Amino acid sequence: MLKWLLVFEDPNADVLWLGKGAARQWLEDGKSVAVDGAPTRWGRVGFTLKSRAESGAIDAEVRLPSGGIAAELRLRIREPHERRIRSVTLDDKAWKRFDAQAEYVVIPAGQGGNLKLAVHY
């Protein structure tokens, strides 16, 4: 059950959710959440979320197989104060693929390796 909270493979689509069920309290300022080497049908994945909620940001590192994964990745980040996402950077470049209302960032299929994100509120 814990795996499904943090690493969830959509049974009806090629979508891999990371952090889908993580509680808001887990990302209070200064806290972090990490998963390493979780098995999925696309290979082992991991991620780390580090909260800077008081500064209006949460940093994320996503670790994917180097050859990429054949699934869309959705990284859900539930900010502890329920603020909406205003902007995202992926590897220090502006990233527009996010859903502020549903609180997730979209990474298209085919991505691999280590990705660094900063989510701003």
PDB file of N, CA and C in Angstrom:
ATOM      1  N   MET A   1       0.810  -1.192   0.000  1.00  0.00           N
ATOM      2  CA  MET A   1       0.000   0.000   0.000  1.00  0.00           C
ATOM      3  C   MET A   1       0.857   1.261   0.000  1.00  0.00           C
ATOM      4  N   LEU A   2       1.937   1.256   0.783  1.00  0.00           N
ATOM      5  CA  LEU A   2       2.792   2.440   0.839  1.00  0.00           C
ATOM      6  C   LEU A   2       3.379   2.749  -0.535  1.00  0.00           C
ATOM      7  N   LYS A   3       3.787   1.707  -1.269  1.00  0.00           N
ATOM      8  CA  LYS A   3       4.324   1.940  -2.604  1.00  0.00           C
ATOM      9  C   LYS A   3       3.290   2.671  -3.455  1.00  0.00           C
ATOM     10  N   TRP A   4       2.027   2.275  -3.390  1.00  0.00           N
ATOM     11  CA  TRP A   4       0.992   2.906  -4.212  1.00  0.00           C
ATOM     12  C   TRP A   4       0.792   4.372  -3.853  1.00  0.00           C
ATOM     13  N   LEU A   5       1.069   4.756  -2.600  1.00  0.00           N
ATOM     14  CA  LEU A   5       0.977   6.169  -2.225  1.00  0.00           C
ATOM     15  C   LEU A   5       2.054   6.996  -2.925  1.00  0.00           C
ATOM     16  N   LEU A   6       3.218   6.396  -3.125  1.00  0.00           N
ATOM     17  CA  LEU A   6       4.365   7.151  -3.618  1.00  0.00           C
ATOM     18  C   LEU A   6       4.751   6.834  -5.061  1.00  0.00           C
ATOM     19  N   VAL A   7       4.542   5.601  -5.500  1.00  0.00           N
ATOM     20  CA  VAL A   7       4.869   5.194  -6.873  1.00  0.00           C
ATOM     21  C   VAL A   7       3.689   4.368  -7.373  1.00  0.00           C
ATOM     22  N   PHE A   8       2.900   4.969  -8.267  1.00  0.00           N
ATOM     23  CA  PHE A   8       1.666   4.319  -8.714  1.00  0.00           C
ATOM     24  C   PHE A   8       1.654   4.196 -10.230  1.00  0.00           C
ATOM     25  N   GLU A   9       1.513   2.972 -10.709  1.00  0.00           N
ATOM     26  CA  GLU A   9       1.410   2.698 -12.141  1.00  0.00           C
ATOM     27  C   GLU A   9      -0.065   2.658 -12.519  1.00  0.00           C
ATOM     28  N   ASP A  10      -0.487   3.589 -13.356  1.00  0.00           N
ATOM     29  CA  ASP A  10      -1.887   3.610 -13.791  1.00  0.00           C
ATOM     30  C   ASP A  10      -2.174   2.320 -14.550  1.00  0.00           C
ATOM     31  N   PRO A  11      -3.156   1.524 -14.114  1.00  0.00           N
ATOM     32  CA  PRO A  11      -3.421   0.251 -14.781  1.00  0.00           C
ATOM     33  C   PRO A  11      -4.078   0.404 -16.154  1.00  0.00           C
ATOM     34  N   ASN A  12      -4.608   1.588 -16.474  1.00  0.00           N
ATOM     35  CA  ASN A  12      -5.341   1.788 -17.718  1.00  0.00           C
ATOM     36  C   ASN A  12      -4.616   2.648 -18.741  1.00  0.00           C
ATOM     37  N   ALA A  13      -3.440   3.155 -18.399  1.00  0.00           N
ATOM     38  CA  ALA A  13      -2.697   4.031 -19.310  1.00  0.00           C
ATOM     39  C   ALA A  13      -1.213   3.944 -18.986  1.00  0.00           C
ATOM     40  N   ASP A  14      -0.397   4.375 -19.929  1.00  0.00           N
ATOM     41  CA  ASP A  14       1.046   4.418 -19.694  1.00  0.00           C
ATOM     42  C   ASP A  14       1.392   5.704 -18.958  1.00  0.00           C
ATOM     43  N   VAL A  15       0.996   5.739 -17.686  1.00  0.00           N
ATOM     44  CA  VAL A  15       1.248   6.886 -16.816  1.00  0.00           C
ATOM     45  C   VAL A  15       1.813   6.372 -15.501  1.00  0.00           C
ATOM     46  N   LEU A  16       2.940   6.960 -15.098  1.00  0.00           N
ATOM     47  CA  LEU A  16       3.563   6.632 -13.825  1.00  0.00           C
ATOM     48  C   LEU A  16       3.450   7.847 -12.916  1.00  0.00           C
ATOM     49  N   TRP A  17       2.772   7.681 -11.784  1.00  0.00           N
ATOM     50  CA  TRP A  17       2.603   8.753 -10.799  1.00  0.00           C
ATOM     51  C   TRP A  17       3.673   8.621  -9.724  1.00  0.00           C
ATOM     52  N   LEU A  18       4.310   9.725  -9.396  1.00  0.00           N
ATOM     53  CA  LEU A  18       5.227   9.771  -8.258  1.00  0.00           C
ATOM     54  C   LEU A  18       4.652  10.751  -7.247  1.00  0.00           C
ATOM     55  N   GLY A  19       4.574  10.318  -5.989  1.00  0.00           N
ATOM     56  CA  GLY A  19       4.054  11.176  -4.924  1.00  0.00           C
ATOM     57  C   GLY A  19       2.560  11.384  -4.943  1.00  0.00           C
ATOM     58  N   LYS A  20       1.830  10.577  -5.679  1.00  0.00           N
ATOM     59  CA  LYS A  20       0.386  10.786  -5.856  1.00  0.00           C
ATOM     60  C   LYS A  20      -0.366  10.853  -4.534  1.00  0.00           C
ATOM     61  N   GLY A  21      -0.024  10.018  -3.585  1.00  0.00           N
ATOM     62  CA  GLY A  21      -0.755   9.972  -2.322  1.00  0.00           C
ATOM     63  C   GLY A  21       0.004  10.544  -1.135  1.00  0.00           C
ATOM     64  N   ALA A  22       1.078  11.269  -1.387  1.00  0.00           N
ATOM     65  CA  ALA A  22       1.860  11.834  -0.280  1.00  0.00           C
ATOM     66  C   ALA A  22       1.038  12.893   0.460  1.00  0.00           C
ATOM     67  N   ALA A  23       1.074  12.837   1.762  1.00  0.00           N
ATOM     68  CA  ALA A  23       0.314  13.772   2.593  1.00  0.00           C
ATOM     69  C   ALA A  23       0.960  15.155   2.585  1.00  0.00           C
ATOM     70  N   ARG A  24       0.146  16.183   2.689  1.00  0.00           N
ATOM     71  CA  ARG A  24       0.659  17.565   2.726  1.00  0.00           C
ATOM     72  C   ARG A  24       1.651  17.771   3.868  1.00  0.00           C
ATOM     73  N   GLN A  25       1.374  17.175   5.031  1.00  0.00           N
ATOM     74  CA  GLN A  25       2.247  17.352   6.196  1.00  0.00           C
ATOM     75  C   GLN A  25       3.659  16.844   5.937  1.00  0.00           C
ATOM     76  N   TRP A  26       3.806  15.888   5.027  1.00  0.00           N
ATOM     77  CA  TRP A  26       5.120  15.338   4.736  1.00  0.00           C
ATOM     78  C   TRP A  26       6.030  16.378   4.083  1.00  0.00           C
ATOM     79  N   LEU A  27       5.441  17.458   3.551  1.00  0.00           N
ATOM     80  CA  LEU A  27       6.232  18.474   2.868  1.00  0.00           C
ATOM     81  C   LEU A  27       6.190  19.826   3.575  1.00  0.00           C
ATOM     82  N   GLU A  28       6.027  19.792   4.898  1.00  0.00           N
ATOM     83  CA  GLU A  28       6.157  21.025   5.653  1.00  0.00           C
ATOM     84  C   GLU A  28       7.595  21.507   5.529  1.00  0.00           C
ATOM     85  N   ASP A  29       7.815  22.793   5.735  1.00  0.00           N
ATOM     86  CA  ASP A  29       9.122  23.405   5.531  1.00  0.00           C
ATOM     87  C   ASP A  29      10.244  22.605   6.190  1.00  0.00           C
ATOM     88  N   GLY A  30      11.287  22.324   5.416  1.00  0.00           N
ATOM     89  CA  GLY A  30      12.454  21.604   5.918  1.00  0.00           C
ATOM     90  C   GLY A  30      12.361  20.093   5.833  1.00  0.00           C
ATOM     91  N   LYS A  31      11.171  19.551   5.560  1.00  0.00           N
ATOM     92  CA  LYS A  31      11.018  18.097   5.491  1.00  0.00           C
ATOM     93  C   LYS A  31      11.306  17.600   4.077  1.00  0.00           C
ATOM     94  N   SER A  32      11.540  16.294   3.988  1.00  0.00           N
ATOM     95  CA  SER A  32      11.760  15.680   2.681  1.00  0.00           C
ATOM     96  C   SER A  32      11.112  14.305   2.619  1.00  0.00           C
ATOM     97  N   VAL A  33      10.858  13.871   1.405  1.00  0.00           N
ATOM     98  CA  VAL A  33      10.303  12.550   1.119  1.00  0.00           C
ATOM     99  C   VAL A  33      11.197  11.940   0.052  1.00  0.00           C
ATOM    100  N   ALA A  34      11.571  10.677   0.221  1.00  0.00           N
ATOM    101  CA  ALA A  34      12.446  10.037  -0.766  1.00  0.00           C
ATOM    102  C   ALA A  34      12.045   8.591  -0.995  1.00  0.00           C
ATOM    103  N   VAL A  35      12.184   8.165  -2.240  1.00  0.00           N
ATOM    104  CA  VAL A  35      11.976   6.784  -2.643  1.00  0.00           C
ATOM    105  C   VAL A  35      13.154   6.429  -3.539  1.00  0.00           C
ATOM    106  N   ASP A  36      13.737   5.268  -3.323  1.00  0.00           N
ATOM    107  CA  ASP A  36      14.894   4.870  -4.120  1.00  0.00           C
ATOM    108  C   ASP A  36      14.688   3.487  -4.702  1.00  0.00           C
ATOM    109  N   GLY A  37      14.904   3.347  -5.999  1.00  0.00           N
ATOM    110  CA  GLY A  37      14.894   2.041  -6.653  1.00  0.00           C
ATOM    111  C   GLY A  37      13.571   1.312  -6.637  1.00  0.00           C
ATOM    112  N   ALA A  38      12.457   2.037  -6.699  1.00  0.00           N
ATOM    113  CA  ALA A  38      11.143   1.380  -6.698  1.00  0.00           C
ATOM    114  C   ALA A  38      10.922   0.662  -8.033  1.00  0.00           C
ATOM    115  N   PRO A  39      10.553  -0.621  -7.995  1.00  0.00           N
ATOM    116  CA  PRO A  39      10.326  -1.350  -9.243  1.00  0.00           C
ATOM    117  C   PRO A  39       9.017  -0.930  -9.907  1.00  0.00           C
ATOM    118  N   THR A  40       9.073  -0.717 -11.222  1.00  0.00           N
ATOM    119  CA  THR A  40       7.870  -0.447 -12.024  1.00  0.00           C
ATOM    120  C   THR A  40       7.989  -1.270 -13.300  1.00  0.00           C
ATOM    121  N   ARG A  41       6.943  -1.310 -14.089  1.00  0.00           N
ATOM    122  CA  ARG A  41       7.014  -2.067 -15.339  1.00  0.00           C
ATOM    123  C   ARG A  41       7.926  -1.394 -16.361  1.00  0.00           C
ATOM    124  N   TRP A  42       8.376  -0.163 -16.087  1.00  0.00           N
ATOM    125  CA  TRP A  42       9.295   0.558 -16.974  1.00  0.00           C
ATOM    126  C   TRP A  42      10.712   0.597 -16.421  1.00  0.00           C
ATOM    127  N   GLY A  43      10.960  -0.083 -15.338  1.00  0.00           N
ATOM    128  CA  GLY A  43      12.272  -0.079 -14.704  1.00  0.00           C
ATOM    129  C   GLY A  43      12.208   0.557 -13.324  1.00  0.00           C
ATOM    130  N   ARG A  44      13.329   0.570 -12.652  1.00  0.00           N
ATOM    131  CA  ARG A  44      13.395   1.123 -11.293  1.00  0.00           C
ATOM    132  C   ARG A  44      13.469   2.649 -11.348  1.00  0.00           C
ATOM    133  N   VAL A  45      12.727   3.276 -10.427  1.00  0.00           N
ATOM    134  CA  VAL A  45      12.681   4.737 -10.363  1.00  0.00           C
ATOM    135  C   VAL A  45      12.856   5.196  -8.924  1.00  0.00           C
ATOM    136  N   GLY A  46      13.164   6.453  -8.785  1.00  0.00           N
ATOM    137  CA  GLY A  46      13.260   7.046  -7.460  1.00  0.00           C
ATOM    138  C   GLY A  46      13.019   8.540  -7.548  1.00  0.00           C
ATOM    139  N   PHE A  47      12.774   9.140  -6.407  1.00  0.00           N
ATOM    140  CA  PHE A  47      12.624  10.587  -6.369  1.00  0.00           C
ATOM    141  C   PHE A  47      12.851  11.085  -4.950  1.00  0.00           C
ATOM    142  N   THR A  48      13.213  12.360  -4.864  1.00  0.00           N
ATOM    143  CA  THR A  48      13.370  13.036  -3.587  1.00  0.00           C
ATOM    144  C   THR A  48      12.676  14.385  -3.693  1.00  0.00           C
ATOM    145  N   LEU A  49      11.863  14.698  -2.700  1.00  0.00           N
ATOM    146  CA  LEU A  49      11.222  16.007  -2.599  1.00  0.00           C
ATOM    147  C   LEU A  49      11.771  16.686  -1.353  1.00  0.00           C
ATOM    148  N   LYS A  50      12.244  17.926  -1.501  1.00  0.00           N
ATOM    149  CA  LYS A  50      12.765  18.688  -0.361  1.00  0.00           C
ATOM    150  C   LYS A  50      11.985  19.988  -0.282  1.00  0.00           C
ATOM    151  N   SER A  51      11.367  20.206   0.859  1.00  0.00           N
ATOM    152  CA  SER A  51      10.500  21.367   1.023  1.00  0.00           C
ATOM    153  C   SER A  51      11.254  22.617   1.464  1.00  0.00           C
ATOM    154  N   ARG A  52      10.959  23.686   0.760  1.00  0.00           N
ATOM    155  CA  ARG A  52      11.329  25.035   1.161  1.00  0.00           C
ATOM    156  C   ARG A  52      10.025  25.839   1.181  1.00  0.00           C
ATOM    157  N   ALA A  53       8.996  25.237   1.785  1.00  0.00           N
ATOM    158  CA  ALA A  53       7.644  25.791   1.737  1.00  0.00           C
ATOM    159  C   ALA A  53       7.577  27.229   2.244  1.00  0.00           C
ATOM    160  N   GLU A  54       8.331  27.551   3.270  1.00  0.00           N
ATOM    161  CA  GLU A  54       8.292  28.917   3.790  1.00  0.00           C
ATOM    162  C   GLU A  54       8.851  29.917   2.784  1.00  0.00           C
ATOM    163  N   SER A  55       9.711  29.458   1.895  1.00  0.00           N
ATOM    164  CA  SER A  55      10.258  30.303   0.824  1.00  0.00           C
ATOM    165  C   SER A  55       9.435  30.192  -0.450  1.00  0.00           C
ATOM    166  N   GLY A  56       8.394  29.369  -0.425  1.00  0.00           N
ATOM    167  CA  GLY A  56       7.513  29.230  -1.583  1.00  0.00           C
ATOM    168  C   GLY A  56       8.005  28.284  -2.651  1.00  0.00           C
ATOM    169  N   ALA A  57       8.767  27.246  -2.268  1.00  0.00           N
ATOM    170  CA  ALA A  57       9.273  26.312  -3.270  1.00  0.00           C
ATOM    171  C   ALA A  57       9.439  24.913  -2.687  1.00  0.00           C
ATOM    172  N   ILE A  58       9.380  23.942  -3.575  1.00  0.00           N
ATOM    173  CA  ILE A  58       9.716  22.558  -3.249  1.00  0.00           C
ATOM    174  C   ILE A  58      10.613  22.065  -4.366  1.00  0.00           C
ATOM    175  N   ASP A  59      11.762  21.505  -4.000  1.00  0.00           N
ATOM    176  CA  ASP A  59      12.721  20.982  -4.972  1.00  0.00           C
ATOM    177  C   ASP A  59      12.501  19.486  -5.127  1.00  0.00           C
ATOM    178  N   ALA A  60      12.692  19.007  -6.348  1.00  0.00           N
ATOM    179  CA  ALA A  60      12.515  17.587  -6.622  1.00  0.00           C
ATOM    180  C   ALA A  60      13.660  17.080  -7.484  1.00  0.00           C
ATOM    181  N   GLU A  61      14.076  15.871  -7.202  1.00  0.00           N
ATOM    182  CA  GLU A  61      14.997  15.153  -8.074  1.00  0.00           C
ATOM    183  C   GLU A  61      14.306  13.847  -8.422  1.00  0.00           C
ATOM    184  N   VAL A  62      14.208  13.556  -9.703  1.00  0.00           N
ATOM    185  CA  VAL A  62      13.580  12.329 -10.184  1.00  0.00           C
ATOM    186  C   VAL A  62      14.665  11.490 -10.844  1.00  0.00           C
ATOM    187  N   ARG A  63      14.725  10.224 -10.451  1.00  0.00           N
ATOM    188  CA  ARG A  63      15.723   9.311 -10.990  1.00  0.00           C
ATOM    189  C   ARG A  63      15.023   8.231 -11.816  1.00  0.00           C
ATOM    190  N   LEU A  64      15.329   8.233 -13.117  1.00  0.00           N
ATOM    191  CA  LEU A  64      14.711   7.309 -14.062  1.00  0.00           C
ATOM    192  C   LEU A  64      15.785   6.450 -14.720  1.00  0.00           C
ATOM    193  N   PRO A  65      15.397   5.309 -15.295  1.00  0.00           N
ATOM    194  CA  PRO A  65      16.388   4.515 -16.026  1.00  0.00           C
ATOM    195  C   PRO A  65      17.042   5.373 -17.115  1.00  0.00           C
ATOM    196  N   SER A  66      18.329   5.186 -17.343  1.00  0.00           N
ATOM    197  CA  SER A  66      19.071   6.036 -18.279  1.00  0.00           C
ATOM    198  C   SER A  66      18.518   5.985 -19.699  1.00  0.00           C
ATOM    199  N   GLY A  67      17.948   4.876 -20.092  1.00  0.00           N
ATOM    200  CA  GLY A  67      17.384   4.755 -21.438  1.00  0.00           C
ATOM    201  C   GLY A  67      16.021   5.397 -21.588  1.00  0.00           C
ATOM    202  N   GLY A  68      15.489   5.945 -20.523  1.00  0.00           N
ATOM    203  CA  GLY A  68      14.165   6.568 -20.557  1.00  0.00           C
ATOM    204  C   GLY A  68      13.071   5.572 -20.237  1.00  0.00           C
ATOM    205  N   ILE A  69      11.882   6.109 -20.008  1.00  0.00           N
ATOM    206  CA  ILE A  69      10.733   5.238 -19.749  1.00  0.00           C
ATOM    207  C   ILE A  69       9.648   5.525 -20.787  1.00  0.00           C
ATOM    208  N   ALA A  70       8.907   4.496 -21.130  1.00  0.00           N
ATOM    209  CA  ALA A  70       7.860   4.599 -22.146  1.00  0.00           C
ATOM    210  C   ALA A  70       6.525   4.956 -21.507  1.00  0.00           C
ATOM    211  N   ALA A  71       6.564   5.851 -20.561  1.00  0.00           N
ATOM    212  CA  ALA A  71       5.341   6.274 -19.874  1.00  0.00           C
ATOM    213  C   ALA A  71       5.438   7.758 -19.580  1.00  0.00           C
ATOM    214  N   GLU A  72       4.284   8.413 -19.564  1.00  0.00           N
ATOM    215  CA  GLU A  72       4.246   9.788 -19.088  1.00  0.00           C
ATOM    216  C   GLU A  72       4.415   9.744 -17.581  1.00  0.00           C
ATOM    217  N   LEU A  73       5.196  10.655 -17.063  1.00  0.00           N
ATOM    218  CA  LEU A  73       5.417  10.708 -15.622  1.00  0.00           C
ATOM    219  C   LEU A  73       4.648  11.905 -15.066  1.00  0.00           C
ATOM    220  N   ARG A  74       3.961  11.704 -13.980  1.00  0.00           N
ATOM    221  CA  ARG A  74       3.263  12.789 -13.295  1.00  0.00           C
ATOM    222  C   ARG A  74       3.761  12.843 -11.863  1.00  0.00           C
ATOM    223  N   LEU A  75       4.422  13.936 -11.548  1.00  0.00           N
ATOM    224  CA  LEU A  75       4.966  14.154 -10.214  1.00  0.00           C
ATOM    225  C   LEU A  75       4.001  15.044  -9.454  1.00  0.00           C
ATOM    226  N   ARG A  76       3.343  14.469  -8.459  1.00  0.00           N
ATOM    227  CA  ARG A  76       2.371  15.227  -7.674  1.00  0.00           C
ATOM    228  C   ARG A  76       3.041  15.765  -6.422  1.00  0.00           C
ATOM    229  N   ILE A  77       2.868  17.063  -6.229  1.00  0.00           N
ATOM    230  CA  ILE A  77       3.468  17.720  -5.073  1.00  0.00           C
ATOM    231  C   ILE A  77       2.375  18.515  -4.377  1.00  0.00           C
ATOM    232  N   ARG A  78       1.971  18.028  -3.216  1.00  0.00           N
ATOM    233  CA  ARG A  78       0.894  18.658  -2.447  1.00  0.00           C
ATOM    234  C   ARG A  78       1.495  19.597  -1.409  1.00  0.00           C
ATOM    235  N   GLU A  79       1.569  20.868  -1.758  1.00  0.00           N
ATOM    236  CA  GLU A  79       2.165  21.893  -0.910  1.00  0.00           C
ATOM    237  C   GLU A  79       1.388  21.986   0.403  1.00  0.00           C
ATOM    238  N   PRO A  80       2.067  22.083   1.547  1.00  0.00           N
ATOM    239  CA  PRO A  80       1.391  21.990   2.848  1.00  0.00           C
ATOM    240  C   PRO A  80       0.380  23.110   3.134  1.00  0.00           C
ATOM    241  N   HIS A  81       0.522  24.262   2.492  1.00  0.00           N
ATOM    242  CA  HIS A  81      -0.405  25.372   2.735  1.00  0.00           C
ATOM    243  C   HIS A  81      -1.485  25.467   1.655  1.00  0.00           C
ATOM    244  N   GLU A  82      -1.551  24.439   0.795  1.00  0.00           N
ATOM    245  CA  GLU A  82      -2.534  24.342  -0.282  1.00  0.00           C
ATOM    246  C   GLU A  82      -2.429  25.477  -1.299  1.00  0.00           C
ATOM    247  N   ARG A  83      -1.231  26.044  -1.444  1.00  0.00           N
ATOM    248  CA  ARG A  83      -1.013  27.055  -2.481  1.00  0.00           C
ATOM    249  C   ARG A  83      -0.890  26.356  -3.834  1.00  0.00           C
ATOM    250  N   ARG A  84      -1.247  27.060  -4.879  1.00  0.00           N
ATOM    251  CA  ARG A  84      -1.196  26.523  -6.240  1.00  0.00           C
ATOM    252  C   ARG A  84       0.178  26.766  -6.872  1.00  0.00           C
ATOM    253  N   ILE A  85       0.566  25.855  -7.734  1.00  0.00           N
ATOM    254  CA  ILE A  85       1.820  25.992  -8.467  1.00  0.00           C
ATOM    255  C   ILE A  85       1.741  27.238  -9.355  1.00  0.00           C
ATOM    256  N   ARG A  86       2.785  28.080  -9.282  1.00  0.00           N
ATOM    257  CA  ARG A  86       2.866  29.266 -10.147  1.00  0.00           C
ATOM    258  C   ARG A  86       3.834  29.046 -11.298  1.00  0.00           C
ATOM    259  N   SER A  87       4.954  28.355 -11.006  1.00  0.00           N
ATOM    260  CA  SER A  87       5.943  28.099 -12.056  1.00  0.00           C
ATOM    261  C   SER A  87       6.782  26.887 -11.684  1.00  0.00           C
ATOM    262  N   VAL A  88       7.418  26.317 -12.716  1.00  0.00           N
ATOM    263  CA  VAL A  88       8.271  25.139 -12.544  1.00  0.00           C
ATOM    264  C   VAL A  88       9.508  25.324 -13.412  1.00  0.00           C
ATOM    265  N   THR A  89      10.654  24.888 -12.901  1.00  0.00           N
ATOM    266  CA  THR A  89      11.842  24.779 -13.743  1.00  0.00           C
ATOM    267  C   THR A  89      12.261  23.314 -13.762  1.00  0.00           C
ATOM    268  N   LEU A  90      12.704  22.880 -14.918  1.00  0.00           N
ATOM    269  CA  LEU A  90      13.221  21.525 -15.106  1.00  0.00           C
ATOM    270  C   LEU A  90      14.640  21.678 -15.625  1.00  0.00           C
ATOM    271  N   ASP A  91      15.593  21.180 -14.860  1.00  0.00           N
ATOM    272  CA  ASP A  91      17.019  21.333 -15.196  1.00  0.00           C
ATOM    273  C   ASP A  91      17.337  22.794 -15.513  1.00  0.00           C
ATOM    274  N   ASP A  92      16.859  23.699 -14.654  1.00  0.00           N
ATOM    275  CA  ASP A  92      17.115  25.144 -14.707  1.00  0.00           C
ATOM    276  C   ASP A  92      16.483  25.859 -15.905  1.00  0.00           C
ATOM    277  N   LYS A  93      15.523  25.240 -16.572  1.00  0.00           N
ATOM    278  CA  LYS A  93      14.813  25.889 -17.678  1.00  0.00           C
ATOM    279  C   LYS A  93      13.324  25.935 -17.344  1.00  0.00           C
ATOM    280  N   ALA A  94      12.672  27.027 -17.738  1.00  0.00           N
ATOM    281  CA  ALA A  94      11.235  27.161 -17.485  1.00  0.00           C
ATOM    282  C   ALA A  94      10.496  25.971 -18.089  1.00  0.00           C
ATOM    283  N   TRP A  95       9.537  25.446 -17.313  1.00  0.00           N
ATOM    284  CA  TRP A  95       8.767  24.260 -17.721  1.00  0.00           C
ATOM    285  C   TRP A  95       7.296  24.595 -17.565  1.00  0.00           C
ATOM    286  N   LYS A  96       6.538  24.458 -18.625  1.00  0.00           N
ATOM    287  CA  LYS A  96       5.125  24.851 -18.619  1.00  0.00           C
ATOM    288  C   LYS A  96       4.149  23.686 -18.481  1.00  0.00           C
ATOM    289  N   ARG A  97       4.651  22.463 -18.462  1.00  0.00           N
ATOM    290  CA  ARG A  97       3.753  21.303 -18.411  1.00  0.00           C
ATOM    291  C   ARG A  97       3.435  20.941 -16.960  1.00  0.00           C
ATOM    292  N   PHE A  98       2.473  21.642 -16.412  1.00  0.00           N
ATOM    293  CA  PHE A  98       2.001  21.325 -15.067  1.00  0.00           C
ATOM    294  C   PHE A  98       0.530  21.689 -14.965  1.00  0.00           C
ATOM    295  N   ASP A  99      -0.132  21.068 -14.005  1.00  0.00           N
ATOM    296  CA  ASP A  99      -1.538  21.342 -13.718  1.00  0.00           C
ATOM    297  C   ASP A  99      -1.593  21.905 -12.299  1.00  0.00           C
ATOM    298  N   ALA A 100      -1.744  23.218 -12.211  1.00  0.00           N
ATOM    299  CA  ALA A 100      -1.729  23.883 -10.903  1.00  0.00           C
ATOM    300  C   ALA A 100      -2.894  23.433 -10.032  1.00  0.00           C
ATOM    301  N   GLN A 101      -4.059  23.237 -10.629  1.00  0.00           N
ATOM    302  CA  GLN A 101      -5.251  22.836  -9.875  1.00  0.00           C
ATOM    303  C   GLN A 101      -5.092  21.431  -9.282  1.00  0.00           C
ATOM    304  N   ALA A 102      -4.591  20.495 -10.091  1.00  0.00           N
ATOM    305  CA  ALA A 102      -4.446  19.099  -9.647  1.00  0.00           C
ATOM    306  C   ALA A 102      -3.095  18.835  -8.976  1.00  0.00           C
ATOM    307  N   GLU A 103      -2.222  19.848  -8.938  1.00  0.00           N
ATOM    308  CA  GLU A 103      -0.964  19.795  -8.189  1.00  0.00           C
ATOM    309  C   GLU A 103       0.043  18.782  -8.723  1.00  0.00           C
ATOM    310  N   TYR A 104       0.220  18.734 -10.042  1.00  0.00           N
ATOM    311  CA  TYR A 104       1.247  17.843 -10.566  1.00  0.00           C
ATOM    312  C   TYR A 104       1.970  18.446 -11.765  1.00  0.00           C
ATOM    313  N   VAL A 105       3.187  17.936 -11.962  1.00  0.00           N
ATOM    314  CA  VAL A 105       4.047  18.308 -13.085  1.00  0.00           C
ATOM    315  C   VAL A 105       4.081  17.118 -14.025  1.00  0.00           C
ATOM    316  N   VAL A 106       4.020  17.373 -15.324  1.00  0.00           N
ATOM    317  CA  VAL A 106       4.039  16.319 -16.338  1.00  0.00           C
ATOM    318  C   VAL A 106       5.412  16.262 -16.989  1.00  0.00           C
ATOM    319  N   ILE A 107       5.972  15.057 -17.034  1.00  0.00           N
ATOM    320  CA  ILE A 107       7.219  14.795 -17.754  1.00  0.00           C
ATOM    321  C   ILE A 107       6.849  13.802 -18.863  1.00  0.00           C
ATOM    322  N   PRO A 108       7.061  14.164 -20.133  1.00  0.00           N
ATOM    323  CA  PRO A 108       6.625  13.270 -21.216  1.00  0.00           C
ATOM    324  C   PRO A 108       7.411  11.964 -21.261  1.00  0.00           C
ATOM    325  N   ALA A 109       6.798  10.955 -21.880  1.00  0.00           N
ATOM    326  CA  ALA A 109       7.450   9.653 -22.073  1.00  0.00           C
ATOM    327  C   ALA A 109       8.769   9.859 -22.813  1.00  0.00           C
ATOM    328  N   GLY A 110       9.708   8.967 -22.562  1.00  0.00           N
ATOM    329  CA  GLY A 110      10.990   9.006 -23.237  1.00  0.00           C
ATOM    330  C   GLY A 110      12.102   9.637 -22.414  1.00  0.00           C
ATOM    331  N   GLN A 111      11.751  10.310 -21.328  1.00  0.00           N
ATOM    332  CA  GLN A 111      12.757  10.951 -20.475  1.00  0.00           C
ATOM    333  C   GLN A 111      13.488   9.890 -19.647  1.00  0.00           C
ATOM    334  N   GLY A 112      14.755  10.153 -19.387  1.00  0.00           N
ATOM    335  CA  GLY A 112      15.539   9.229 -18.579  1.00  0.00           C
ATOM    336  C   GLY A 112      16.631   9.962 -17.820  1.00  0.00           C
ATOM    337  N   GLY A 113      17.294   9.264 -16.934  1.00  0.00           N
ATOM    338  CA  GLY A 113      18.370   9.841 -16.144  1.00  0.00           C
ATOM    339  C   GLY A 113      17.850  10.630 -14.960  1.00  0.00           C
ATOM    340  N   ASN A 114      18.676  11.533 -14.450  1.00  0.00           N
ATOM    341  CA  ASN A 114      18.301  12.349 -13.287  1.00  0.00           C
ATOM    342  C   ASN A 114      17.753  13.686 -13.756  1.00  0.00           C
ATOM    343  N   LEU A 115      16.587  14.039 -13.253  1.00  0.00           N
ATOM    344  CA  LEU A 115      15.936  15.301 -13.583  1.00  0.00           C
ATOM    345  C   LEU A 115      15.826  16.124 -12.317  1.00  0.00           C
ATOM    346  N   LYS A 116      16.120  17.415 -12.406  1.00  0.00           N
ATOM    347  CA  LYS A 116      16.017  18.310 -11.249  1.00  0.00           C
ATOM    348  C   LYS A 116      14.928  19.333 -11.534  1.00  0.00           C
ATOM    349  N   LEU A 117      13.984  19.413 -10.601  1.00  0.00           N
ATOM    350  CA  LEU A 117      12.871  20.347 -10.737  1.00  0.00           C
ATOM    351  C   LEU A 117      12.804  21.275  -9.523  1.00  0.00           C
ATOM    352  N   ALA A 118      12.315  22.471  -9.762  1.00  0.00           N
ATOM    353  CA  ALA A 118      11.979  23.394  -8.681  1.00  0.00           C
ATOM    354  C   ALA A 118      10.554  23.851  -8.960  1.00  0.00           C
ATOM    355  N   VAL A 119       9.694  23.637  -7.989  1.00  0.00           N
ATOM    356  CA  VAL A 119       8.278  24.003  -8.103  1.00  0.00           C
ATOM    357  C   VAL A 119       8.040  25.191  -7.196  1.00  0.00           C
ATOM    358  N   HIS A 120       7.533  26.284  -7.780  1.00  0.00           N
ATOM    359  CA  HIS A 120       7.351  27.540  -7.039  1.00  0.00           C
ATOM    360  C   HIS A 120       5.882  27.846  -6.827  1.00  0.00           C
ATOM    361  N   TYR A 121       5.572  28.376  -5.638  1.00  0.00           N
ATOM    362  CA  TYR A 121       4.203  28.676  -5.236  1.00  0.00           C
ATOM    363  C   TYR A 121       4.025  30.149  -4.977  1.00  0.00           C
TER     364      TYR A 121
END
